[in-house]
Amino acid sequence: MNTRLESNGPERITLAMTGASGAQYGLRLLDCLVREDREVHFLISKAAQLVMATETDVTLPPKTQMMQAFLTEYTGAATGQIRVYGKEDWMSPVASGSGAPAAMVVVPCSTGTLSAIATGACNNLIERAADVTLKERRQLILVPREAPYSSIHLEHMLKLSNMGVTILPASPGFYHQPQTIDDLIDFVVARILNLLNIPQDMLPRWGEHHLSIDE
């Protein structure tokens, strides 16, 4: 897969949220992309909306245009910076290689969605957008949040990895000495932004604050 991106990361990104736990990761990434002046094509499953309402104080409106207006106000985005599409909006740009953004992130990524992407299913717009990203050899990042993984999950991850997909489990590290839940969320989101080559100041890169240890 050709994952070469612009020097400062892609200007247009597809962000999809599915029904795994970890809605905070998707919301935080959306906020960061808006702050970095990226155009975000936003997709969310019904299951993800239920999880979001359970895990956060955010309840999205049911209609696409209402959701777009809500997220625009929620993130402080410019008009048109966030574009929301329904699950069967086959005329949206993300449904075609001629109009889809250069990169796509699915966060959180349910194992059901991971399975569908690995097997080429296109039963909804999220799956179709991922299929387009794969066939056009663009950057695709999947952030699964499940424990434990079954052999089927691992086989699908390996299959996708061999196709050039980045599998980034929502497994925050602790070497930055997190003090809050937000710090743990930022760890994962910062790793996503690093892979997209988009600037972030949430997490120092390893070695930037090196402390020598006497042997």
C-alpha atoms as a PDB file:
ATOM      1  CA  MET A   1       0.000   0.000   0.000  1.00  0.00           C
ATOM      2  CA  ASN A   2       1.250   3.467  -0.893  1.00  0.00           C
ATOM      3  CA  THR A   3       1.125   5.455   2.350  1.00  0.00           C
ATOM      4  CA  ARG A   4       3.101   8.492   1.171  1.00  0.00           C
ATOM      5  CA  LEU A   5       1.407  11.600   2.514  1.00  0.00           C
ATOM      6  CA  GLU A   6       1.861  15.336   2.187  1.00  0.00           C
ATOM      7  CA  SER A   7       4.768  16.714   4.228  1.00  0.00           C
ATOM      8  CA  ASN A   8       2.335  18.041   6.811  1.00  0.00           C
ATOM      9  CA  GLY A   9      -0.150  15.198   6.615  1.00  0.00           C
ATOM     10  CA  PRO A  10      -3.315  14.784   4.531  1.00  0.00           C
ATOM     11  CA  GLU A  11      -5.654  17.749   4.173  1.00  0.00           C
ATOM     12  CA  ARG A  12      -8.755  15.537   3.941  1.00  0.00           C
ATOM     13  CA  ILE A  13      -9.350  12.559   6.224  1.00  0.00           C
ATOM     14  CA  THR A  14     -12.144  10.048   6.649  1.00  0.00           C
ATOM     15  CA  LEU A  15     -12.870   9.389  10.327  1.00  0.00           C
ATOM     16  CA  ALA A  16     -15.169   6.492  11.162  1.00  0.00           C
ATOM     17  CA  MET A  17     -16.386   5.424  14.583  1.00  0.00           C
ATOM     18  CA  THR A  18     -17.813   1.945  15.164  1.00  0.00           C
ATOM     19  CA  GLY A  19     -19.305   0.094  18.107  1.00  0.00           C
ATOM     20  CA  ALA A  20     -16.277  -0.849  20.198  1.00  0.00           C
ATOM     21  CA  SER A  21     -15.612   0.799  23.536  1.00  0.00           C
ATOM     22  CA  GLY A  22     -13.464   3.921  23.293  1.00  0.00           C
ATOM     23  CA  ALA A  23     -15.685   6.655  21.885  1.00  0.00           C
ATOM     24  CA  GLN A  24     -13.406   9.164  23.615  1.00  0.00           C
ATOM     25  CA  TYR A  25     -10.612   8.307  21.184  1.00  0.00           C
ATOM     26  CA  GLY A  26     -12.730   9.181  18.172  1.00  0.00           C
ATOM     27  CA  LEU A  27     -14.049  12.412  19.652  1.00  0.00           C
ATOM     28  CA  ARG A  28     -10.579  13.534  20.692  1.00  0.00           C
ATOM     29  CA  LEU A  29      -9.140  12.754  17.260  1.00  0.00           C
ATOM     30  CA  LEU A  30     -11.951  14.715  15.619  1.00  0.00           C
ATOM     31  CA  ASP A  31     -11.162  17.702  17.834  1.00  0.00           C
ATOM     32  CA  CYS A  32      -7.441  17.498  17.005  1.00  0.00           C
ATOM     33  CA  LEU A  33      -8.062  17.247  13.263  1.00  0.00           C
ATOM     34  CA  VAL A  34     -10.304  20.297  13.379  1.00  0.00           C
ATOM     35  CA  ARG A  35      -7.682  22.269  15.296  1.00  0.00           C
ATOM     36  CA  GLU A  36      -5.128  21.327  12.645  1.00  0.00           C
ATOM     37  CA  ASP A  37      -7.440  22.682   9.931  1.00  0.00           C
ATOM     38  CA  ARG A  38      -8.179  19.311   8.314  1.00  0.00           C
ATOM     39  CA  GLU A  39     -11.354  18.547   6.413  1.00  0.00           C
ATOM     40  CA  VAL A  40     -13.015  15.585   8.110  1.00  0.00           C
ATOM     41  CA  HIS A  41     -15.450  13.207   6.429  1.00  0.00           C
ATOM     42  CA  PHE A  42     -17.227  11.705   9.429  1.00  0.00           C
ATOM     43  CA  LEU A  43     -18.982   8.335   9.566  1.00  0.00           C
ATOM     44  CA  ILE A  44     -20.501   6.684  12.626  1.00  0.00           C
ATOM     45  CA  SER A  45     -22.440   3.481  13.146  1.00  0.00           C
ATOM     46  CA  LYS A  46     -25.596   3.180  15.233  1.00  0.00           C
ATOM     47  CA  ALA A  47     -23.719   0.994  17.713  1.00  0.00           C
ATOM     48  CA  ALA A  48     -21.037   3.662  18.062  1.00  0.00           C
ATOM     49  CA  GLN A  49     -23.692   6.254  18.863  1.00  0.00           C
ATOM     50  CA  LEU A  50     -25.036   4.022  21.635  1.00  0.00           C
ATOM     51  CA  VAL A  51     -21.541   3.472  23.030  1.00  0.00           C
ATOM     52  CA  MET A  52     -20.826   7.205  22.894  1.00  0.00           C
ATOM     53  CA  ALA A  53     -23.983   7.984  24.865  1.00  0.00           C
ATOM     54  CA  THR A  54     -22.939   5.373  27.442  1.00  0.00           C
ATOM     55  CA  GLU A  55     -19.287   6.379  27.806  1.00  0.00           C
ATOM     56  CA  THR A  56     -19.484  10.153  27.453  1.00  0.00           C
ATOM     57  CA  ASP A  57     -21.831  13.071  28.010  1.00  0.00           C
ATOM     58  CA  VAL A  58     -22.209  13.457  24.237  1.00  0.00           C
ATOM     59  CA  THR A  59     -25.453  12.351  22.593  1.00  0.00           C
ATOM     60  CA  LEU A  60     -25.485  12.870  18.849  1.00  0.00           C
ATOM     61  CA  PRO A  61     -28.660  13.961  17.047  1.00  0.00           C
ATOM     62  CA  PRO A  62     -30.270  11.216  14.941  1.00  0.00           C
ATOM     63  CA  LYS A  63     -30.300  13.037  11.594  1.00  0.00           C
ATOM     64  CA  THR A  64     -27.181  13.538   9.465  1.00  0.00           C
ATOM     65  CA  GLN A  65     -27.495  17.287   8.968  1.00  0.00           C
ATOM     66  CA  MET A  66     -28.306  17.832  12.634  1.00  0.00           C
ATOM     67  CA  MET A  67     -25.296  15.740  13.606  1.00  0.00           C
ATOM     68  CA  GLN A  68     -23.061  17.744  11.282  1.00  0.00           C
ATOM     69  CA  ALA A  69     -24.250  21.005  12.820  1.00  0.00           C
ATOM     70  CA  PHE A  70     -23.802  19.606  16.328  1.00  0.00           C
ATOM     71  CA  LEU A  71     -20.231  18.402  15.719  1.00  0.00           C
ATOM     72  CA  THR A  72     -19.321  21.661  14.002  1.00  0.00           C
ATOM     73  CA  GLU A  73     -20.389  23.598  17.082  1.00  0.00           C
ATOM     74  CA  TYR A  74     -18.954  21.007  19.510  1.00  0.00           C
ATOM     75  CA  THR A  75     -15.471  21.191  17.988  1.00  0.00           C
ATOM     76  CA  GLY A  76     -15.519  24.822  16.910  1.00  0.00           C
ATOM     77  CA  ALA A  77     -15.020  23.777  13.293  1.00  0.00           C
ATOM     78  CA  ALA A  78     -15.506  26.092  10.353  1.00  0.00           C
ATOM     79  CA  THR A  79     -18.649  25.666   8.285  1.00  0.00           C
ATOM     80  CA  GLY A  80     -18.152  22.712   5.944  1.00  0.00           C
ATOM     81  CA  GLN A  81     -14.998  21.495   7.701  1.00  0.00           C
ATOM     82  CA  ILE A  82     -16.832  18.453   9.082  1.00  0.00           C
ATOM     83  CA  ARG A  83     -19.002  16.503   6.652  1.00  0.00           C
ATOM     84  CA  VAL A  84     -21.244  13.792   8.034  1.00  0.00           C
ATOM     85  CA  TYR A  85     -22.661  10.984   5.877  1.00  0.00           C
ATOM     86  CA  GLY A  86     -25.307   8.366   6.553  1.00  0.00           C
ATOM     87  CA  LYS A  87     -24.590   4.641   6.487  1.00  0.00           C
ATOM     88  CA  GLU A  88     -26.102   4.232   2.991  1.00  0.00           C
ATOM     89  CA  ASP A  89     -25.039   7.516   1.404  1.00  0.00           C
ATOM     90  CA  TRP A  90     -23.478   5.843  -1.625  1.00  0.00           C
ATOM     91  CA  MET A  91     -23.139   9.152  -3.479  1.00  0.00           C
ATOM     92  CA  SER A  92     -20.758  10.593  -0.873  1.00  0.00           C
ATOM     93  CA  PRO A  93     -17.110  11.246  -1.855  1.00  0.00           C
ATOM     94  CA  VAL A  94     -15.793   8.495   0.444  1.00  0.00           C
ATOM     95  CA  ALA A  95     -17.669   5.859  -1.593  1.00  0.00           C
ATOM     96  CA  SER A  96     -15.473   6.364  -4.658  1.00  0.00           C
ATOM     97  CA  GLY A  97     -11.759   6.332  -5.326  1.00  0.00           C
ATOM     98  CA  SER A  98     -12.104   9.506  -7.365  1.00  0.00           C
ATOM     99  CA  GLY A  99     -13.381  11.500  -4.391  1.00  0.00           C
ATOM    100  CA  ALA A 100     -12.174   9.810  -1.222  1.00  0.00           C
ATOM    101  CA  PRO A 101      -9.612  11.462   1.084  1.00  0.00           C
ATOM    102  CA  ALA A 102      -5.981  10.331   1.172  1.00  0.00           C
ATOM    103  CA  ALA A 103      -6.321   8.660   4.576  1.00  0.00           C
ATOM    104  CA  MET A 104      -8.923   6.924   6.721  1.00  0.00           C
ATOM    105  CA  VAL A 105      -8.977   6.141  10.431  1.00  0.00           C
ATOM    106  CA  VAL A 106     -11.483   3.823  12.101  1.00  0.00           C
ATOM    107  CA  VAL A 107     -11.432   4.606  15.828  1.00  0.00           C
ATOM    108  CA  PRO A 108     -12.643   2.802  17.752  1.00  0.00           C
ATOM    109  CA  CYS A 109     -12.799  -0.154  15.386  1.00  0.00           C
ATOM    110  CA  SER A 110     -15.073  -3.009  16.408  1.00  0.00           C
ATOM    111  CA  THR A 111     -13.923  -6.529  15.619  1.00  0.00           C
ATOM    112  CA  GLY A 112     -17.022  -6.907  13.459  1.00  0.00           C
ATOM    113  CA  THR A 113     -15.962  -3.951  11.327  1.00  0.00           C
ATOM    114  CA  LEU A 114     -12.400  -5.264  11.235  1.00  0.00           C
ATOM    115  CA  SER A 115     -13.708  -8.610   9.972  1.00  0.00           C
ATOM    116  CA  ALA A 116     -15.834  -6.924   7.306  1.00  0.00           C
ATOM    117  CA  ILE A 117     -12.904  -4.854   6.050  1.00  0.00           C
ATOM    118  CA  ALA A 118     -10.611  -7.893   5.997  1.00  0.00           C
ATOM    119  CA  THR A 119     -13.072  -9.863   3.875  1.00  0.00           C
ATOM    120  CA  GLY A 120     -14.048  -7.048   1.518  1.00  0.00           C
ATOM    121  CA  ALA A 121     -17.611  -6.606   2.729  1.00  0.00           C
ATOM    122  CA  CYS A 122     -19.325  -3.374   1.714  1.00  0.00           C
ATOM    123  CA  ASN A 123     -22.636  -3.571   3.544  1.00  0.00           C
ATOM    124  CA  ASN A 124     -22.532   0.039   4.742  1.00  0.00           C
ATOM    125  CA  LEU A 125     -20.645   3.238   3.970  1.00  0.00           C
ATOM    126  CA  ILE A 126     -17.957   2.663   6.605  1.00  0.00           C
ATOM    127  CA  GLU A 127     -17.061  -0.688   5.063  1.00  0.00           C
ATOM    128  CA  ARG A 128     -17.219   0.755   1.545  1.00  0.00           C
ATOM    129  CA  ALA A 129     -14.999   3.698   2.489  1.00  0.00           C
ATOM    130  CA  ALA A 130     -12.415   1.310   3.924  1.00  0.00           C
ATOM    131  CA  ASP A 131     -12.636  -0.871   0.821  1.00  0.00           C
ATOM    132  CA  VAL A 132     -12.027   2.194  -1.361  1.00  0.00           C
ATOM    133  CA  THR A 133      -9.038   3.178   0.773  1.00  0.00           C
ATOM    134  CA  LEU A 134      -7.599  -0.312   0.352  1.00  0.00           C
ATOM    135  CA  LYS A 135      -8.141  -0.597  -3.383  1.00  0.00           C
ATOM    136  CA  GLU A 136      -6.670   2.862  -3.986  1.00  0.00           C
ATOM    137  CA  ARG A 137      -3.666   1.925  -1.803  1.00  0.00           C
ATOM    138  CA  ARG A 138      -4.158   4.858   0.523  1.00  0.00           C
ATOM    139  CA  GLN A 139      -3.450   5.038   4.243  1.00  0.00           C
ATOM    140  CA  LEU A 140      -5.834   3.063   6.457  1.00  0.00           C
ATOM    141  CA  ILE A 141      -5.472   2.987  10.251  1.00  0.00           C
ATOM    142  CA  LEU A 142      -7.656   0.716  12.373  1.00  0.00           C
ATOM    143  CA  VAL A 143      -7.791   1.153  16.148  1.00  0.00           C
ATOM    144  CA  PRO A 144      -9.375  -1.980  17.648  1.00  0.00           C
ATOM    145  CA  ARG A 145     -10.440  -2.035  21.298  1.00  0.00           C
ATOM    146  CA  GLU A 146     -11.181  -5.556  22.425  1.00  0.00           C
ATOM    147  CA  ALA A 147      -9.852  -7.963  25.038  1.00  0.00           C
ATOM    148  CA  PRO A 148      -8.935 -10.701  24.676  1.00  0.00           C
ATOM    149  CA  TYR A 149      -8.492 -11.169  20.932  1.00  0.00           C
ATOM    150  CA  SER A 150      -9.665 -14.429  19.403  1.00  0.00           C
ATOM    151  CA  SER A 151      -7.676 -16.296  16.774  1.00  0.00           C
ATOM    152  CA  ILE A 152     -10.138 -14.998  14.183  1.00  0.00           C
ATOM    153  CA  HIS A 153      -9.477 -11.401  15.233  1.00  0.00           C
ATOM    154  CA  LEU A 154      -5.721 -11.948  15.048  1.00  0.00           C
ATOM    155  CA  GLU A 155      -5.941 -13.649  11.653  1.00  0.00           C
ATOM    156  CA  HIS A 156      -7.908 -10.708  10.276  1.00  0.00           C
ATOM    157  CA  MET A 157      -5.404  -8.236  11.724  1.00  0.00           C
ATOM    158  CA  LEU A 158      -2.505 -10.127  10.154  1.00  0.00           C
ATOM    159  CA  LYS A 159      -4.293 -10.269   6.807  1.00  0.00           C
ATOM    160  CA  LEU A 160      -4.912  -6.515   6.881  1.00  0.00           C
ATOM    161  CA  SER A 161      -1.387  -5.766   8.059  1.00  0.00           C
ATOM    162  CA  ASN A 162      -0.015  -7.749   5.123  1.00  0.00           C
ATOM    163  CA  MET A 163      -2.106  -5.496   2.852  1.00  0.00           C
ATOM    164  CA  GLY A 164      -0.477  -2.395   4.325  1.00  0.00           C
ATOM    165  CA  VAL A 165      -3.124  -1.471   6.885  1.00  0.00           C
ATOM    166  CA  THR A 166      -1.854  -0.100  10.196  1.00  0.00           C
ATOM    167  CA  ILE A 167      -3.331  -1.923  13.190  1.00  0.00           C
ATOM    168  CA  LEU A 168      -2.997   0.375  16.190  1.00  0.00           C
ATOM    169  CA  PRO A 169      -4.612  -1.197  19.269  1.00  0.00           C
ATOM    170  CA  ALA A 170      -6.073   1.248  21.770  1.00  0.00           C
ATOM    171  CA  SER A 171      -3.367   0.331  24.284  1.00  0.00           C
ATOM    172  CA  PRO A 172      -1.963   3.465  25.926  1.00  0.00           C
ATOM    173  CA  GLY A 173       1.547   3.455  27.348  1.00  0.00           C
ATOM    174  CA  PHE A 174       2.594   4.793  30.726  1.00  0.00           C
ATOM    175  CA  TYR A 175       6.128   6.096  30.210  1.00  0.00           C
ATOM    176  CA  HIS A 176       4.750   9.649  29.992  1.00  0.00           C
ATOM    177  CA  GLN A 177       3.386   9.227  33.550  1.00  0.00           C
ATOM    178  CA  PRO A 178      -0.303   9.876  32.838  1.00  0.00           C
ATOM    179  CA  GLN A 179      -2.237  11.623  35.578  1.00  0.00           C
ATOM    180  CA  THR A 180      -5.747  11.535  34.116  1.00  0.00           C
ATOM    181  CA  ILE A 181      -7.974   9.524  31.791  1.00  0.00           C
ATOM    182  CA  ASP A 182      -7.481  12.294  29.232  1.00  0.00           C
ATOM    183  CA  ASP A 183      -3.732  11.638  29.301  1.00  0.00           C
ATOM    184  CA  LEU A 184      -4.356   8.003  28.363  1.00  0.00           C
ATOM    185  CA  ILE A 185      -6.710   9.027  25.570  1.00  0.00           C
ATOM    186  CA  ASP A 186      -4.171  11.536  24.274  1.00  0.00           C
ATOM    187  CA  PHE A 187      -1.474   8.844  24.126  1.00  0.00           C
ATOM    188  CA  VAL A 188      -3.437   6.815  21.577  1.00  0.00           C
ATOM    189  CA  VAL A 189      -4.624   9.851  19.621  1.00  0.00           C
ATOM    190  CA  ALA A 190      -1.080  11.233  19.465  1.00  0.00           C
ATOM    191  CA  ARG A 191       0.121   7.953  17.954  1.00  0.00           C
ATOM    192  CA  ILE A 192      -2.588   8.208  15.299  1.00  0.00           C
ATOM    193  CA  LEU A 193      -1.582  11.785  14.476  1.00  0.00           C
ATOM    194  CA  ASN A 194       2.079  10.765  14.260  1.00  0.00           C
ATOM    195  CA  LEU A 195       1.185   8.070  11.731  1.00  0.00           C
ATOM    196  CA  LEU A 196      -0.775  10.630   9.723  1.00  0.00           C
ATOM    197  CA  ASN A 197       2.222  12.981   9.895  1.00  0.00           C
ATOM    198  CA  ILE A 198       0.023  15.642  11.484  1.00  0.00           C
ATOM    199  CA  PRO A 199       1.677  17.828  14.143  1.00  0.00           C
ATOM    200  CA  GLN A 200       0.749  17.147  17.766  1.00  0.00           C
ATOM    201  CA  ASP A 201       2.062  18.360  21.106  1.00  0.00           C
ATOM    202  CA  MET A 202       0.190  15.966  23.386  1.00  0.00           C
ATOM    203  CA  LEU A 203       2.925  13.368  23.668  1.00  0.00           C
ATOM    204  CA  PRO A 204       6.710  13.763  23.401  1.00  0.00           C
ATOM    205  CA  ARG A 205       8.435  11.315  21.113  1.00  0.00           C
ATOM    206  CA  TRP A 206      10.560   8.674  22.792  1.00  0.00           C
ATOM    207  CA  GLY A 207      13.953  10.108  23.771  1.00  0.00           C
ATOM    208  CA  GLU A 208      12.976  13.775  23.548  1.00  0.00           C
ATOM    209  CA  HIS A 209      13.272  14.073  27.334  1.00  0.00           C
ATOM    210  CA  HIS A 210      16.031  11.536  27.759  1.00  0.00           C
ATOM    211  CA  LEU A 211      17.322  10.902  31.257  1.00  0.00           C
ATOM    212  CA  SER A 212      20.687   9.168  31.437  1.00  0.00           C
ATOM    213  CA  ILE A 213      20.851   6.178  33.740  1.00  0.00           C
ATOM    214  CA  ASP A 214      24.144   5.335  35.395  1.00  0.00           C
ATOM    215  CA  GLU A 215      25.173   1.765  34.888  1.00  0.00           C
END
